[in-house]
């Protein structure tokens, strides 16, 4: 039987780009709520100490482990040696924490954190530029893996690799493990099932982000930003949105994916209390895991 583990990202509690979309709770309370909801993993966030001497006892108290975490990469315009220095502390921390991977998000030229920049102003690369970028990320990923902590590449709204076509091109010109995020792909207008079928062999980490398509379809992408979409409620947890996670998880199971399924859904914590949302997401994931034949382990 395939094994799965269920985690969550702290962005449900604290939004790093939109401070106003944050619940004023401590790290300890965030982990307590995640554990109460049934999660056994948490990705890192801004309130996490970057060493296991301090963090380890807090995690142990709640039966939670580090199941990944974001790195704001700058390889599109940057230098590999500089990025090695930038990621070094996180590398050591994640190895000590026994994390499965570091989530690589490309932030060079991205407009994902710019409230006043519309979605249509996202960076666009030619195939030659994508090929050069793919080689650079591959070399960096190879170094990270050799150092003992692999990357998983996060395709992302408002970044250089956003659409299905851009992801296909990036995958063609790279050898990097892929973080599959159905929510971001649906928002980008891609076919979430076809992406699994095409790239299943490279999927190493999964974010289970759901979307409210009625919000996304009503956006004016030439005027509204990614953060505008977040504030309006574009994202939510599995079981509360528009995506068929039973079909998604069954497709991943059919192709042999084992590992973490991480709820990562940034939204207004006042309108969508994080504990309640975590419980909704966990319940739906447990349902679809059973339907897909996964054994959920701790």
Protein backbone atom coordinates (compact mmCIF):
# COMPACT_ATOMS: atom_id res chain seq x y z
CA UNK A 1 0.00 0.00 0.00
CA UNK A 2 1.25 3.49 -0.88
CA UNK A 3 2.23 5.67 2.06
CA UNK A 4 1.17 9.30 2.50
CA UNK A 5 1.78 11.91 5.18
CA UNK A 6 -0.38 14.96 5.77
CA UNK A 7 1.02 18.38 6.56
CA UNK A 8 0.09 22.03 6.39
CA UNK A 9 1.84 25.33 5.72
CA UNK A 10 1.84 28.17 8.27
CA UNK A 11 0.59 30.59 5.59
CA UNK A 12 -2.92 29.76 6.85
CA UNK A 13 -1.92 31.52 10.10
CA UNK A 14 0.67 34.10 9.01
CA UNK A 15 0.93 35.53 5.49
CA UNK A 16 4.47 36.71 4.77
CA UNK A 17 3.40 39.02 1.92
CA UNK A 18 0.19 40.36 3.47
CA UNK A 19 0.62 41.05 7.15
CA UNK A 20 -3.05 41.99 7.42
CA UNK A 21 -3.96 38.40 6.50
CA UNK A 22 -2.34 36.95 9.58
CA UNK A 23 -3.69 35.45 12.78
CA UNK A 24 -1.91 36.84 15.82
CA UNK A 25 -0.92 33.52 17.33
CA UNK A 26 2.40 32.13 18.51
CA UNK A 27 4.34 29.34 16.82
CA UNK A 28 3.35 27.07 19.69
CA UNK A 29 -0.37 27.82 19.17
CA UNK A 30 -0.05 27.39 15.39
CA UNK A 31 1.48 23.92 15.86
CA UNK A 32 -1.09 23.03 18.51
CA UNK A 33 -3.93 23.84 16.11
CA UNK A 34 -2.29 21.93 13.26
CA UNK A 35 -1.93 18.88 15.49
CA UNK A 36 -5.51 19.22 16.73
CA UNK A 37 -6.65 19.15 13.10
CA UNK A 38 -4.76 15.89 12.60
CA UNK A 39 -1.71 17.13 10.72
CA UNK A 40 1.70 15.61 11.46
CA UNK A 41 3.87 17.98 9.41
CA UNK A 42 4.35 21.72 9.09
CA UNK A 43 6.30 23.68 6.52
CA UNK A 44 8.44 26.46 7.94
CA UNK A 45 7.50 30.13 8.08
CA UNK A 46 8.67 33.45 9.42
CA UNK A 47 8.07 32.63 13.10
CA UNK A 48 10.15 29.44 12.99
CA UNK A 49 13.59 29.53 14.65
CA UNK A 50 16.16 28.26 12.14
CA UNK A 51 17.77 25.71 14.44
CA UNK A 52 16.59 22.41 15.84
CA UNK A 53 17.97 23.05 19.34
CA UNK A 54 15.24 25.65 19.76
CA UNK A 55 12.60 24.28 17.40
CA UNK A 56 12.94 20.56 18.12
CA UNK A 57 11.32 20.56 21.58
CA UNK A 58 8.42 22.70 20.31
CA UNK A 59 7.79 20.31 17.41
CA UNK A 60 8.08 17.27 19.68
CA UNK A 61 5.51 18.72 22.07
CA UNK A 62 2.92 18.61 19.30
CA UNK A 63 4.05 15.53 17.37
CA UNK A 64 4.87 17.64 14.32
CA UNK A 65 7.82 17.38 11.94
CA UNK A 66 9.21 19.78 9.35
CA UNK A 67 7.71 18.74 6.01
CA UNK A 68 9.38 21.36 3.81
CA UNK A 69 9.61 25.09 3.50
CA UNK A 70 9.99 27.90 1.01
CA UNK A 71 13.24 29.32 -0.37
CA UNK A 72 12.96 32.56 -2.37
CA UNK A 73 15.32 31.75 -5.22
CA UNK A 74 16.89 34.33 -7.50
CA UNK A 75 18.55 32.10 -10.09
CA UNK A 76 16.69 33.61 -13.05
CA UNK A 77 18.95 36.66 -12.83
CA UNK A 78 21.42 35.51 -10.19
CA UNK A 79 24.59 33.52 -9.67
CA UNK A 80 24.65 29.92 -8.48
CA UNK A 81 27.49 30.54 -6.02
CA UNK A 82 25.56 33.42 -4.45
CA UNK A 83 22.47 31.21 -4.14
CA UNK A 84 24.54 28.50 -2.45
CA UNK A 85 25.48 31.04 0.21
CA UNK A 86 21.88 32.27 0.53
CA UNK A 87 20.48 28.75 1.05
CA UNK A 88 23.30 27.41 3.29
CA UNK A 89 21.64 28.10 6.67
CA UNK A 90 18.32 26.63 5.56
CA UNK A 91 20.14 23.59 4.14
CA UNK A 92 21.80 22.81 7.45
CA UNK A 93 18.58 23.41 9.39
CA UNK A 94 16.47 21.21 7.10
CA UNK A 95 18.98 18.37 7.24
CA UNK A 96 18.96 18.52 11.03
CA UNK A 97 15.15 18.56 10.95
CA UNK A 98 14.91 15.56 8.63
CA UNK A 99 12.83 17.55 6.14
CA UNK A 100 11.99 15.90 2.80
CA UNK A 101 12.99 18.88 0.65
CA UNK A 102 13.36 22.63 0.32
CA UNK A 103 10.63 24.22 -1.78
CA UNK A 104 12.31 26.36 -4.45
CA UNK A 105 10.21 29.32 -5.56
CA UNK A 106 11.63 31.65 -8.20
CA UNK A 107 11.16 35.23 -7.07
CA UNK A 108 13.41 37.04 -9.54
CA UNK A 109 11.18 39.23 -11.75
CA UNK A 110 8.12 37.67 -10.13
CA UNK A 111 5.21 39.97 -9.32
CA UNK A 112 3.62 37.60 -6.79
CA UNK A 113 4.49 39.86 -3.86
CA UNK A 114 3.65 43.18 -5.54
CA UNK A 115 0.18 44.35 -4.55
CA UNK A 116 -0.01 47.01 -7.27
CA UNK A 117 1.35 44.98 -10.20
CA UNK A 118 -1.32 43.20 -12.28
CA UNK A 119 -1.14 39.51 -13.09
CA UNK A 120 -0.55 40.21 -16.79
CA UNK A 121 2.79 41.84 -15.91
CA UNK A 122 4.34 38.50 -14.92
CA UNK A 123 7.72 37.68 -16.46
CA UNK A 124 7.70 35.80 -19.76
CA UNK A 125 10.70 33.88 -21.10
CA UNK A 126 11.60 32.83 -24.63
CA UNK A 127 12.45 29.15 -25.10
CA UNK A 128 16.15 30.04 -25.24
CA UNK A 129 15.84 31.93 -21.96
CA UNK A 130 13.89 29.06 -20.39
CA UNK A 131 16.54 26.59 -21.55
CA UNK A 132 19.32 28.62 -19.94
CA UNK A 133 17.26 29.01 -16.78
CA UNK A 134 16.44 25.30 -16.68
CA UNK A 135 20.12 24.39 -16.90
CA UNK A 136 21.00 26.80 -14.11
CA UNK A 137 18.27 25.50 -11.77
CA UNK A 138 19.26 21.91 -12.59
CA UNK A 139 22.89 22.58 -11.66
CA UNK A 140 21.77 24.21 -8.41
CA UNK A 141 19.39 21.36 -7.63
CA UNK A 142 22.13 18.81 -8.30
CA UNK A 143 24.39 20.62 -5.83
CA UNK A 144 21.62 20.77 -3.21
CA UNK A 145 20.92 17.04 -3.56
CA UNK A 146 24.63 16.22 -3.32
CA UNK A 147 24.76 18.32 -0.13
CA UNK A 148 22.02 16.16 1.35
CA UNK A 149 18.86 18.24 0.95
CA UNK A 150 16.99 18.10 -2.39
CA UNK A 151 14.94 20.89 -3.92
CA UNK A 152 11.39 20.61 -5.19
CA UNK A 153 10.53 23.27 -7.78
CA UNK A 154 7.28 25.19 -7.21
CA UNK A 155 5.52 26.46 -10.35
CA UNK A 156 3.74 29.60 -9.15
CA UNK A 157 1.28 32.26 -10.20
CA UNK A 158 2.90 35.57 -11.25
CA UNK A 159 6.35 33.97 -11.64
CA UNK A 160 8.41 32.93 -14.66
CA UNK A 161 7.05 29.36 -14.58
CA UNK A 162 3.30 29.83 -14.15
CA UNK A 163 1.30 28.31 -17.01
CA UNK A 164 1.12 24.69 -18.12
CA UNK A 165 3.04 25.56 -21.30
CA UNK A 166 5.76 27.30 -19.27
CA UNK A 167 5.99 24.33 -16.91
CA UNK A 168 6.24 21.91 -19.83
CA UNK A 169 9.06 24.01 -21.30
CA UNK A 170 10.87 24.28 -17.98
CA UNK A 171 10.62 20.54 -17.41
CA UNK A 172 11.88 19.89 -20.94
CA UNK A 173 14.98 21.97 -20.28
CA UNK A 174 15.67 20.87 -16.68
CA UNK A 175 16.10 17.79 -14.53
CA UNK A 176 14.67 19.30 -11.35
CA UNK A 177 12.19 17.49 -9.07
CA UNK A 178 8.74 19.08 -9.23
CA UNK A 179 6.40 20.34 -6.55
CA UNK A 180 2.90 19.80 -7.94
CA UNK A 181 0.35 22.42 -6.90
CA UNK A 182 -3.09 21.89 -8.44
CA UNK A 183 -4.35 25.23 -7.12
CA UNK A 184 -1.67 27.30 -8.82
CA UNK A 185 -2.05 25.32 -12.03
CA UNK A 186 -5.83 25.75 -12.06
CA UNK A 187 -5.44 29.49 -11.41
CA UNK A 188 -3.00 29.64 -14.34
CA UNK A 189 -5.59 28.04 -16.63
CA UNK A 190 -3.80 24.70 -16.91
CA UNK A 191 -5.19 21.18 -16.98
CA UNK A 192 -4.43 19.86 -13.49
CA UNK A 193 -4.86 16.20 -14.48
CA UNK A 194 -2.75 16.48 -17.64
CA UNK A 195 0.13 17.97 -15.64
CA UNK A 196 0.13 14.88 -13.42
CA UNK A 197 0.00 12.59 -16.45
CA UNK A 198 2.85 14.46 -18.14
CA UNK A 199 5.22 14.99 -15.23
CA UNK A 200 4.36 12.29 -12.67
CA UNK A 201 7.86 10.79 -12.75
CA UNK A 202 9.35 14.07 -11.52
CA UNK A 203 6.77 14.96 -8.82
CA UNK A 204 8.53 14.82 -5.44
CA UNK A 205 6.26 16.96 -3.24
CA UNK A 206 2.58 17.95 -3.37
CA UNK A 207 0.76 21.07 -2.19
CA UNK A 208 -2.97 20.50 -1.87
CA UNK A 209 -4.18 24.02 -2.51
CA UNK A 210 -7.81 24.34 -3.60
CA UNK A 211 -9.28 27.31 -5.49
CA UNK A 212 -12.54 29.19 -5.67
CA UNK A 213 -12.94 29.38 -9.44
CA UNK A 214 -15.79 31.88 -9.17
CA UNK A 215 -13.33 34.33 -7.59
CA UNK A 216 -10.59 33.58 -10.13
CA UNK A 217 -12.93 33.85 -13.13
CA UNK A 218 -14.14 37.28 -11.96
CA UNK A 219 -10.63 38.76 -11.77
CA UNK A 220 -9.49 41.47 -14.16
CA UNK A 221 -5.95 40.19 -14.70
CA UNK A 222 -4.87 43.35 -16.51
CA UNK A 223 -5.66 45.40 -13.40
CA UNK A 224 -5.61 43.06 -10.41
CA UNK A 225 -2.59 41.46 -8.78
CA UNK A 226 -1.89 38.05 -7.33
CA UNK A 227 -2.26 39.50 -3.84
CA UNK A 228 -5.58 41.08 -4.81
CA UNK A 229 -6.73 37.58 -5.76
CA UNK A 230 -5.57 36.18 -2.41
CA UNK A 231 -7.45 38.88 -0.51
CA UNK A 232 -10.59 38.17 -2.53
CA UNK A 233 -10.40 34.48 -1.55
CA UNK A 234 -8.95 32.79 -4.63
CA UNK A 235 -7.45 30.00 -2.50
CA UNK A 236 -8.83 27.63 0.10
CA UNK A 237 -8.35 24.14 1.52
CA UNK A 238 -9.39 20.84 -0.11
CA UNK A 239 -13.08 20.25 0.46
CA UNK A 240 -13.95 23.94 0.39
CA UNK A 241 -13.19 24.82 -3.24
CA UNK A 242 -13.68 23.89 -6.87
CA UNK A 243 -11.10 21.15 -7.47
CA UNK A 244 -11.76 17.40 -7.43
CA UNK A 245 -9.07 16.21 -5.05
CA UNK A 246 -10.30 12.64 -5.17
CA UNK A 247 -9.47 12.53 -8.88
CA UNK A 248 -6.17 14.37 -8.32
CA UNK A 249 -5.02 12.05 -5.52
CA UNK A 250 -6.13 8.94 -7.38
CA UNK A 251 -4.07 10.08 -10.39
CA UNK A 252 -1.02 10.57 -8.19
CA UNK A 253 -1.55 7.17 -6.58
CA UNK A 254 -1.91 5.49 -9.99
CA UNK A 255 1.54 6.82 -10.87
CA UNK A 256 3.12 5.69 -7.62
CA UNK A 257 3.55 8.97 -5.77
CA UNK A 258 4.40 8.52 -2.10
CA UNK A 259 5.22 11.25 0.37
CA UNK A 260 3.81 14.47 1.71
CA UNK A 261 0.51 16.10 0.82
CA UNK A 262 0.70 19.60 2.30
CA UNK A 263 -2.31 21.90 2.68
CA UNK A 264 -1.11 25.34 1.61
CA UNK A 265 -3.98 27.79 1.40
CA UNK A 266 -3.49 31.47 2.13
CA UNK A 267 -6.69 33.34 2.91
CA UNK A 268 -8.19 35.76 5.41
CA UNK A 269 -7.95 34.05 8.84
CA UNK A 270 -10.82 36.16 10.18
CA UNK A 271 -13.24 34.94 7.51
CA UNK A 272 -11.62 31.49 7.40
CA UNK A 273 -10.30 30.55 10.87
CA UNK A 274 -7.11 28.51 10.40
CA UNK A 275 -8.04 25.69 12.81
CA UNK A 276 -11.43 25.21 11.18
CA UNK A 277 -9.89 25.30 7.69
CA UNK A 278 -7.18 22.84 8.70
CA UNK A 279 -9.87 20.49 10.00
CA UNK A 280 -11.87 20.78 6.77
CA UNK A 281 -8.74 20.12 4.70
CA UNK A 282 -7.65 17.17 6.83
CA UNK A 283 -11.09 15.56 6.72
CA UNK A 284 -11.26 15.83 2.93
CA UNK A 285 -7.73 14.54 2.48
CA UNK A 286 -8.40 11.55 4.73
CA UNK A 287 -11.47 10.78 2.62
CA UNK A 288 -9.65 10.97 -0.70
CA UNK A 289 -6.58 9.13 0.63
CA UNK A 290 -8.79 6.21 1.56
CA UNK A 291 -10.50 6.33 -1.84
CA UNK A 292 -7.11 6.34 -3.59
CA UNK A 293 -5.71 3.48 -1.52
CA UNK A 294 -3.14 5.41 0.52
CA UNK A 295 -2.14 4.53 4.05
CA UNK A 296 -1.73 7.78 5.98
CA UNK A 297 1.26 7.44 8.29
CA UNK A 298 2.74 9.60 11.04
